[in-house]
């Protein structure tokens, strides 16, 4: 069953019971109807323009005009709800409606008109590979350039992120070293630096070289020289008591 019926005497294009139509199909079916029997006697239902070759494998998009100026109308099917008509369909007289409703029904027709004035024909070579038009080639080149720029930006961001990560690692190491230094327990030290060790060793040697004073009398009979020497030894002994492991 065709999508359209044509009532020449009534000048009505009837949409049959379905929901989606195209202006191109409607025009094509009308042309077939005209050459059937004596339907050519009726006034034309449509004018059309477009399809003209404009070069570079491009052609003007087809436009279909309903001859509503001579009384033709498109009648909705006997159903309710939304219908869709796609394609460049226009009234020849914009001041008059193109559509009429079927009695007892409430149908709404939505026209989806193309916003493009030109359609592009893509020729196909013998190997089945499409050959791009100039416009398509330029558009593809633009897309490729944009893609390359995005890839370059992504690479740069990756490099920057790597540098930032390295800085964070280095900074973390420095902070960790500083933290360890601050929190180090110096009371646990068991060795001294070479200079300190040398001083201690020298003092220990001096003490060992002193005369044994264990038998010195303890009464007040010490000479001044003996008393001074005893004080000196006592002072040295007191200073080395802090490091008994080295004596």
C-alpha atoms as a PDB file:
ATOM      1  CA  UNK A   1       0.000   0.000   0.000  1.00  0.00           C
ATOM      2  CA  UNK A   2       1.265   3.431  -0.947  1.00  0.00           C
ATOM      3  CA  UNK A   3       1.822   6.048   1.716  1.00  0.00           C
ATOM      4  CA  UNK A   4      -0.289   8.573  -0.197  1.00  0.00           C
ATOM      5  CA  UNK A   5      -3.527   8.672  -2.156  1.00  0.00           C
ATOM      6  CA  UNK A   6      -4.385  11.454  -4.621  1.00  0.00           C
ATOM      7  CA  UNK A   7      -7.936  12.664  -5.169  1.00  0.00           C
ATOM      8  CA  UNK A   8      -7.634  14.809  -8.296  1.00  0.00           C
ATOM      9  CA  UNK A   9     -11.196  16.085  -8.424  1.00  0.00           C
ATOM     10  CA  UNK A  10     -11.086  17.146  -4.770  1.00  0.00           C
ATOM     11  CA  UNK A  11      -7.447  18.319  -4.953  1.00  0.00           C
ATOM     12  CA  UNK A  12      -6.536  16.310  -1.886  1.00  0.00           C
ATOM     13  CA  UNK A  13      -3.355  14.427  -1.058  1.00  0.00           C
ATOM     14  CA  UNK A  14      -4.430  11.872   1.516  1.00  0.00           C
ATOM     15  CA  UNK A  15      -1.910  10.603   4.052  1.00  0.00           C
ATOM     16  CA  UNK A  16      -2.593   6.944   4.651  1.00  0.00           C
ATOM     17  CA  UNK A  17      -2.617   5.394   8.089  1.00  0.00           C
ATOM     18  CA  UNK A  18       0.964   5.603   9.279  1.00  0.00           C
ATOM     19  CA  UNK A  19       3.037   8.051  11.299  1.00  0.00           C
ATOM     20  CA  UNK A  20       6.157   8.917   9.295  1.00  0.00           C
ATOM     21  CA  UNK A  21       6.289  10.389   5.789  1.00  0.00           C
ATOM     22  CA  UNK A  22       8.804  12.091   3.513  1.00  0.00           C
ATOM     23  CA  UNK A  23       8.173  14.934   1.102  1.00  0.00           C
ATOM     24  CA  UNK A  24      10.286  13.213  -1.555  1.00  0.00           C
ATOM     25  CA  UNK A  25       8.193  10.022  -1.386  1.00  0.00           C
ATOM     26  CA  UNK A  26       5.009  12.062  -1.624  1.00  0.00           C
ATOM     27  CA  UNK A  27       6.261  13.856  -4.740  1.00  0.00           C
ATOM     28  CA  UNK A  28       7.475  10.590  -6.309  1.00  0.00           C
ATOM     29  CA  UNK A  29       4.149   8.825  -5.743  1.00  0.00           C
ATOM     30  CA  UNK A  30       2.297  11.837  -7.169  1.00  0.00           C
ATOM     31  CA  UNK A  31       4.386  11.680 -10.376  1.00  0.00           C
ATOM     32  CA  UNK A  32       3.488   8.012 -10.769  1.00  0.00           C
ATOM     33  CA  UNK A  33      -0.172   8.802 -10.147  1.00  0.00           C
ATOM     34  CA  UNK A  34      -0.158  11.551 -12.821  1.00  0.00           C
ATOM     35  CA  UNK A  35       0.921   9.170 -15.581  1.00  0.00           C
ATOM     36  CA  UNK A  36      -1.633   6.575 -14.581  1.00  0.00           C
ATOM     37  CA  UNK A  37      -4.888   6.511 -16.564  1.00  0.00           C
ATOM     38  CA  UNK A  38      -5.945  10.081 -17.327  1.00  0.00           C
ATOM     39  CA  UNK A  39      -4.857  11.703 -14.047  1.00  0.00           C
ATOM     40  CA  UNK A  40      -2.744  14.202 -15.974  1.00  0.00           C
ATOM     41  CA  UNK A  41      -5.971  16.115 -16.666  1.00  0.00           C
ATOM     42  CA  UNK A  42      -6.033  17.409 -13.106  1.00  0.00           C
ATOM     43  CA  UNK A  43      -4.184  20.510 -12.034  1.00  0.00           C
ATOM     44  CA  UNK A  44      -0.652  19.969 -10.823  1.00  0.00           C
ATOM     45  CA  UNK A  45      -0.373  19.221  -7.134  1.00  0.00           C
ATOM     46  CA  UNK A  46       3.313  20.044  -6.799  1.00  0.00           C
ATOM     47  CA  UNK A  47       6.119  22.166  -8.092  1.00  0.00           C
ATOM     48  CA  UNK A  48       9.693  21.312  -7.324  1.00  0.00           C
ATOM     49  CA  UNK A  49      13.117  22.807  -7.565  1.00  0.00           C
ATOM     50  CA  UNK A  50      16.584  21.614  -6.720  1.00  0.00           C
ATOM     51  CA  UNK A  51      18.771  18.798  -7.848  1.00  0.00           C
ATOM     52  CA  UNK A  52      20.829  21.215  -9.946  1.00  0.00           C
ATOM     53  CA  UNK A  53      24.517  20.408 -10.164  1.00  0.00           C
ATOM     54  CA  UNK A  54      26.617  23.213  -8.671  1.00  0.00           C
ATOM     55  CA  UNK A  55      30.002  21.520  -9.182  1.00  0.00           C
ATOM     56  CA  UNK A  56      32.442  19.736  -6.903  1.00  0.00           C
ATOM     57  CA  UNK A  57      30.002  16.816  -6.720  1.00  0.00           C
ATOM     58  CA  UNK A  58      27.413  19.006  -5.032  1.00  0.00           C
ATOM     59  CA  UNK A  59      23.807  19.664  -5.936  1.00  0.00           C
ATOM     60  CA  UNK A  60      21.064  21.940  -4.650  1.00  0.00           C
ATOM     61  CA  UNK A  61      18.821  20.169  -2.174  1.00  0.00           C
ATOM     62  CA  UNK A  62      15.328  19.367  -3.539  1.00  0.00           C
ATOM     63  CA  UNK A  63      12.430  21.574  -2.469  1.00  0.00           C
ATOM     64  CA  UNK A  64       8.790  20.567  -2.908  1.00  0.00           C
ATOM     65  CA  UNK A  65       5.964  23.106  -3.102  1.00  0.00           C
ATOM     66  CA  UNK A  66       2.346  22.097  -2.643  1.00  0.00           C
ATOM     67  CA  UNK A  67       0.134  24.003  -5.074  1.00  0.00           C
ATOM     68  CA  UNK A  68      -2.171  25.215  -2.334  1.00  0.00           C
ATOM     69  CA  UNK A  69      -2.637  28.388  -4.357  1.00  0.00           C
ATOM     70  CA  UNK A  70      -4.724  26.324  -6.762  1.00  0.00           C
ATOM     71  CA  UNK A  71      -6.647  24.521  -4.035  1.00  0.00           C
ATOM     72  CA  UNK A  72      -4.561  21.440  -3.257  1.00  0.00           C
ATOM     73  CA  UNK A  73      -4.396  20.368   0.398  1.00  0.00           C
ATOM     74  CA  UNK A  74      -2.807  17.535   2.357  1.00  0.00           C
ATOM     75  CA  UNK A  75      -5.363  15.652   4.441  1.00  0.00           C
ATOM     76  CA  UNK A  76      -4.442  13.962   7.708  1.00  0.00           C
ATOM     77  CA  UNK A  77      -5.167  10.233   8.093  1.00  0.00           C
ATOM     78  CA  UNK A  78      -8.113   8.991  10.078  1.00  0.00           C
ATOM     79  CA  UNK A  79      -6.170   8.737  13.319  1.00  0.00           C
ATOM     80  CA  UNK A  80      -5.079  10.770  16.305  1.00  0.00           C
ATOM     81  CA  UNK A  81      -1.599  11.656  17.525  1.00  0.00           C
ATOM     82  CA  UNK A  82       1.592  13.068  16.086  1.00  0.00           C
ATOM     83  CA  UNK A  83       2.754  12.529  12.531  1.00  0.00           C
ATOM     84  CA  UNK A  84       6.150  13.421  11.081  1.00  0.00           C
ATOM     85  CA  UNK A  85       6.828  14.730   7.576  1.00  0.00           C
ATOM     86  CA  UNK A  86      10.536  15.100   6.784  1.00  0.00           C
ATOM     87  CA  UNK A  87      11.963  16.951   3.803  1.00  0.00           C
ATOM     88  CA  UNK A  88      11.796  20.437   2.314  1.00  0.00           C
ATOM     89  CA  UNK A  89       8.032  20.777   1.904  1.00  0.00           C
ATOM     90  CA  UNK A  90       6.564  24.286   1.585  1.00  0.00           C
ATOM     91  CA  UNK A  91       3.275  25.830   0.493  1.00  0.00           C
ATOM     92  CA  UNK A  92       3.302  27.703  -2.795  1.00  0.00           C
ATOM     93  CA  UNK A  93       1.144  30.331  -1.074  1.00  0.00           C
ATOM     94  CA  UNK A  94       2.497  30.899   2.421  1.00  0.00           C
ATOM     95  CA  UNK A  95      -0.661  32.760   3.445  1.00  0.00           C
ATOM     96  CA  UNK A  96      -2.785  29.611   3.064  1.00  0.00           C
ATOM     97  CA  UNK A  97      -2.709  26.368   5.038  1.00  0.00           C
ATOM     98  CA  UNK A  98      -1.421  23.173   3.444  1.00  0.00           C
ATOM     99  CA  UNK A  99      -3.272  20.772   5.731  1.00  0.00           C
ATOM    100  CA  UNK A 100      -6.797  19.712   6.654  1.00  0.00           C
ATOM    101  CA  UNK A 101      -7.956  17.317   9.345  1.00  0.00           C
ATOM    102  CA  UNK A 102      -9.941  14.112   8.884  1.00  0.00           C
ATOM    103  CA  UNK A 103     -13.348  14.557  10.455  1.00  0.00           C
ATOM    104  CA  UNK A 104     -13.590  13.212  13.985  1.00  0.00           C
ATOM    105  CA  UNK A 105      -9.826  12.923  14.427  1.00  0.00           C
ATOM    106  CA  UNK A 106      -7.124  15.116  15.891  1.00  0.00           C
ATOM    107  CA  UNK A 107      -3.767  14.553  14.258  1.00  0.00           C
ATOM    108  CA  UNK A 108      -0.748  16.841  14.531  1.00  0.00           C
ATOM    109  CA  UNK A 109       1.806  16.928  11.714  1.00  0.00           C
ATOM    110  CA  UNK A 110       5.373  17.942  12.556  1.00  0.00           C
ATOM    111  CA  UNK A 111       7.442  19.126   9.613  1.00  0.00           C
ATOM    112  CA  UNK A 112      11.147  18.359   9.785  1.00  0.00           C
ATOM    113  CA  UNK A 113      12.625  20.712   7.205  1.00  0.00           C
ATOM    114  CA  UNK A 114      16.328  20.517   6.366  1.00  0.00           C
ATOM    115  CA  UNK A 115      18.314  23.650   7.156  1.00  0.00           C
ATOM    116  CA  UNK A 116      20.859  22.872   4.443  1.00  0.00           C
ATOM    117  CA  UNK A 117      20.502  24.442   1.022  1.00  0.00           C
ATOM    118  CA  UNK A 118      23.019  22.055  -0.493  1.00  0.00           C
ATOM    119  CA  UNK A 119      23.373  18.308  -0.202  1.00  0.00           C
ATOM    120  CA  UNK A 120      26.656  16.596  -1.008  1.00  0.00           C
ATOM    121  CA  UNK A 121      26.891  13.599  -3.292  1.00  0.00           C
ATOM    122  CA  UNK A 122      29.753  11.315  -2.329  1.00  0.00           C
ATOM    123  CA  UNK A 123      30.937   9.426  -5.421  1.00  0.00           C
ATOM    124  CA  UNK A 124      32.120   5.880  -4.896  1.00  0.00           C
ATOM    125  CA  UNK A 125      35.134   4.572  -6.798  1.00  0.00           C
ATOM    126  CA  UNK A 126      35.403   1.204  -8.467  1.00  0.00           C
ATOM    127  CA  UNK A 127      37.002  -0.213  -5.340  1.00  0.00           C
ATOM    128  CA  UNK A 128      34.035   0.839  -3.265  1.00  0.00           C
ATOM    129  CA  UNK A 129      35.963   3.574  -1.469  1.00  0.00           C
ATOM    130  CA  UNK A 130      34.174   6.899  -1.194  1.00  0.00           C
ATOM    131  CA  UNK A 131      35.871   9.941  -2.732  1.00  0.00           C
ATOM    132  CA  UNK A 132      35.602  13.013  -0.522  1.00  0.00           C
ATOM    133  CA  UNK A 133      34.409  16.297  -1.936  1.00  0.00           C
ATOM    134  CA  UNK A 134      36.466  19.454  -1.419  1.00  0.00           C
ATOM    135  CA  UNK A 135      34.176  20.558   1.419  1.00  0.00           C
ATOM    136  CA  UNK A 136      34.400  17.168   3.102  1.00  0.00           C
ATOM    137  CA  UNK A 137      38.167  17.081   2.685  1.00  0.00           C
ATOM    138  CA  UNK A 138      38.513  20.525   4.271  1.00  0.00           C
ATOM    139  CA  UNK A 139      36.257  19.525   7.142  1.00  0.00           C
ATOM    140  CA  UNK A 140      38.193  16.308   7.686  1.00  0.00           C
ATOM    141  CA  UNK A 141      41.471  18.266   7.635  1.00  0.00           C
ATOM    142  CA  UNK A 142      40.082  20.652  10.241  1.00  0.00           C
ATOM    143  CA  UNK A 143      39.016  17.752  12.443  1.00  0.00           C
ATOM    144  CA  UNK A 144      42.459  16.157  12.085  1.00  0.00           C
ATOM    145  CA  UNK A 145      44.181  19.420  13.022  1.00  0.00           C
ATOM    146  CA  UNK A 146      41.998  19.729  16.108  1.00  0.00           C
ATOM    147  CA  UNK A 147      42.718  16.116  17.032  1.00  0.00           C
ATOM    148  CA  UNK A 148      46.470  16.667  16.647  1.00  0.00           C
ATOM    149  CA  UNK A 149      46.297  19.797  18.813  1.00  0.00           C
ATOM    150  CA  UNK A 150      44.408  17.910  21.512  1.00  0.00           C
ATOM    151  CA  UNK A 151      46.996  15.112  21.394  1.00  0.00           C
ATOM    152  CA  UNK A 152      49.828  17.657  21.745  1.00  0.00           C
ATOM    153  CA  UNK A 153      48.137  19.296  24.723  1.00  0.00           C
ATOM    154  CA  UNK A 154      47.633  15.883  26.313  1.00  0.00           C
ATOM    155  CA  UNK A 155      51.338  15.100  25.851  1.00  0.00           C
ATOM    156  CA  UNK A 156      52.328  18.416  27.403  1.00  0.00           C
ATOM    157  CA  UNK A 157      50.038  17.839  30.366  1.00  0.00           C
ATOM    158  CA  UNK A 158      51.524  14.374  30.861  1.00  0.00           C
ATOM    159  CA  UNK A 159      55.025  15.885  30.898  1.00  0.00           C
ATOM    160  CA  UNK A 160      53.981  18.592  33.343  1.00  0.00           C
ATOM    161  CA  UNK A 161      52.353  16.035  35.617  1.00  0.00           C
ATOM    162  CA  UNK A 162      55.565  13.990  35.562  1.00  0.00           C
ATOM    163  CA  UNK A 163      57.633  17.022  36.579  1.00  0.00           C
ATOM    164  CA  UNK A 164      55.191  17.856  39.353  1.00  0.00           C
ATOM    165  CA  UNK A 165      55.349  14.271  40.607  1.00  0.00           C
ATOM    166  CA  UNK A 166      59.172  14.410  40.661  1.00  0.00           C
ATOM    167  CA  UNK A 167      59.108  17.683  42.606  1.00  0.00           C
ATOM    168  CA  UNK A 168      56.664  16.230  45.096  1.00  0.00           C
ATOM    169  CA  UNK A 169      58.874  13.166  45.569  1.00  0.00           C
ATOM    170  CA  UNK A 170      61.980  15.322  46.075  1.00  0.00           C
ATOM    171  CA  UNK A 171      60.147  17.666  48.430  1.00  0.00           C
ATOM    172  CA  UNK A 172      58.786  14.729  50.365  1.00  0.00           C
ATOM    173  CA  UNK A 173      62.299  13.332  50.755  1.00  0.00           C
ATOM    174  CA  UNK A 174      63.615  16.655  52.035  1.00  0.00           C
ATOM    175  CA  UNK A 175      60.764  17.031  54.484  1.00  0.00           C
ATOM    176  CA  UNK A 176      61.241  13.477  55.690  1.00  0.00           C
ATOM    177  CA  UNK A 177      64.969  14.066  56.219  1.00  0.00           C
ATOM    178  CA  UNK A 178      64.249  17.272  58.124  1.00  0.00           C
ATOM    179  CA  UNK A 179      61.642  15.554  60.239  1.00  0.00           C
ATOM    180  CA  UNK A 180      64.020  12.720  61.048  1.00  0.00           C
ATOM    181  CA  UNK A 181      66.688  15.260  62.071  1.00  0.00           C
ATOM    182  CA  UNK A 182      64.347  17.160  64.348  1.00  0.00           C
ATOM    183  CA  UNK A 183      62.954  14.041  65.997  1.00  0.00           C
ATOM    184  CA  UNK A 184      66.343  12.260  66.383  1.00  0.00           C
ATOM    185  CA  UNK A 185      67.032  11.199  69.982  1.00  0.00           C
ATOM    186  CA  UNK A 186      70.517  12.476  70.745  1.00  0.00           C
ATOM    187  CA  UNK A 187      70.557  10.684  74.100  1.00  0.00           C
ATOM    188  CA  UNK A 188      71.105   7.468  72.184  1.00  0.00           C
ATOM    189  CA  UNK A 189      74.481   8.525  70.803  1.00  0.00           C
ATOM    190  CA  UNK A 190      77.254   6.072  71.715  1.00  0.00           C
ATOM    191  CA  UNK A 191      80.129   7.700  69.828  1.00  0.00           C
ATOM    192  CA  UNK A 192      81.679  11.126  69.601  1.00  0.00           C
ATOM    193  CA  UNK A 193      83.193  12.981  66.712  1.00  0.00           C
ATOM    194  CA  UNK A 194      87.014  12.528  66.297  1.00  0.00           C
ATOM    195  CA  UNK A 195      87.909  15.868  67.943  1.00  0.00           C
ATOM    196  CA  UNK A 196      85.925  15.097  71.085  1.00  0.00           C
ATOM    197  CA  UNK A 197      87.334  11.574  71.268  1.00  0.00           C
ATOM    198  CA  UNK A 198      90.891  12.950  71.034  1.00  0.00           C
ATOM    199  CA  UNK A 199      90.343  15.358  73.938  1.00  0.00           C
ATOM    200  CA  UNK A 200      88.917  12.598  76.130  1.00  0.00           C
ATOM    201  CA  UNK A 201      91.765  10.230  75.261  1.00  0.00           C
ATOM    202  CA  UNK A 202      94.315  12.914  76.109  1.00  0.00           C
ATOM    203  CA  UNK A 203      92.740  13.610  79.504  1.00  0.00           C
ATOM    204  CA  UNK A 204      92.631   9.892  80.279  1.00  0.00           C
ATOM    205  CA  UNK A 205      96.343   9.609  79.467  1.00  0.00           C
ATOM    206  CA  UNK A 206      97.186  12.529  81.743  1.00  0.00           C
ATOM    207  CA  UNK A 207      95.280  10.944  84.601  1.00  0.00           C
ATOM    208  CA  UNK A 208      97.037   7.594  84.109  1.00  0.00           C
ATOM    209  CA  UNK A 209     100.427   9.336  84.261  1.00  0.00           C
ATOM    210  CA  UNK A 210      99.807  10.875  87.671  1.00  0.00           C
ATOM    211  CA  UNK A 211     101.499   9.363  90.692  1.00  0.00           C
ATOM    212  CA  UNK A 212      99.529   7.000  92.842  1.00  0.00           C
ATOM    213  CA  UNK A 213      98.198   9.119  95.670  1.00  0.00           C
ATOM    214  CA  UNK A 214      96.301   6.369  97.457  1.00  0.00           C
ATOM    215  CA  UNK A 215      98.838   6.372 100.298  1.00  0.00           C
ATOM    216  CA  UNK A 216      98.930  10.079 100.830  1.00  0.00           C
ATOM    217  CA  UNK A 217      98.323  10.987 104.452  1.00  0.00           C
ATOM    218  CA  UNK A 218      94.877  12.252 105.129  1.00  0.00           C
ATOM    219  CA  UNK A 219      95.719  14.505 108.065  1.00  0.00           C
ATOM    220  CA  UNK A 220      96.650  18.124 107.908  1.00  0.00           C
ATOM    221  CA  UNK A 221     100.296  17.259 107.436  1.00  0.00           C
ATOM    222  CA  UNK A 222     100.177  17.686 103.592  1.00  0.00           C
ATOM    223  CA  UNK A 223     102.492  20.206 102.114  1.00  0.00           C
ATOM    224  CA  UNK A 224     101.014  22.949  99.988  1.00  0.00           C
ATOM    225  CA  UNK A 225     102.469  21.320  96.868  1.00  0.00           C
ATOM    226  CA  UNK A 226     100.933  17.936  97.776  1.00  0.00           C
ATOM    227  CA  UNK A 227      97.527  19.497  98.461  1.00  0.00           C
ATOM    228  CA  UNK A 228      97.558  21.363  95.108  1.00  0.00           C
ATOM    229  CA  UNK A 229      98.535  18.217  93.238  1.00  0.00           C
ATOM    230  CA  UNK A 230      95.749  16.253  94.962  1.00  0.00           C
ATOM    231  CA  UNK A 231      93.181  18.918  94.016  1.00  0.00           C
ATOM    232  CA  UNK A 232      94.331  18.796  90.402  1.00  0.00           C
ATOM    233  CA  UNK A 233      94.006  15.023  90.233  1.00  0.00           C
ATOM    234  CA  UNK A 234      90.571  15.131  91.901  1.00  0.00           C
ATOM    235  CA  UNK A 235      89.353  17.692  89.355  1.00  0.00           C
ATOM    236  CA  UNK A 236      90.555  15.567  86.437  1.00  0.00           C
ATOM    237  CA  UNK A 237      88.994  12.458  88.000  1.00  0.00           C
ATOM    238  CA  UNK A 238      85.668  14.242  88.480  1.00  0.00           C
ATOM    239  CA  UNK A 239      85.592  15.396  84.831  1.00  0.00           C
ATOM    240  CA  UNK A 240      86.174  11.889  83.522  1.00  0.00           C
ATOM    241  CA  UNK A 241      83.570  10.209  85.709  1.00  0.00           C
ATOM    242  CA  UNK A 242      80.992  11.269  83.083  1.00  0.00           C
ATOM    243  CA  UNK A 243      82.511   8.792  80.601  1.00  0.00           C
ATOM    244  CA  UNK A 244      83.482   5.760  82.678  1.00  0.00           C
ATOM    245  CA  UNK A 245      83.451   3.422  79.700  1.00  0.00           C
ATOM    246  CA  UNK A 246      86.495   5.182  78.280  1.00  0.00           C
ATOM    247  CA  UNK A 247      88.622   4.975  81.456  1.00  0.00           C
END
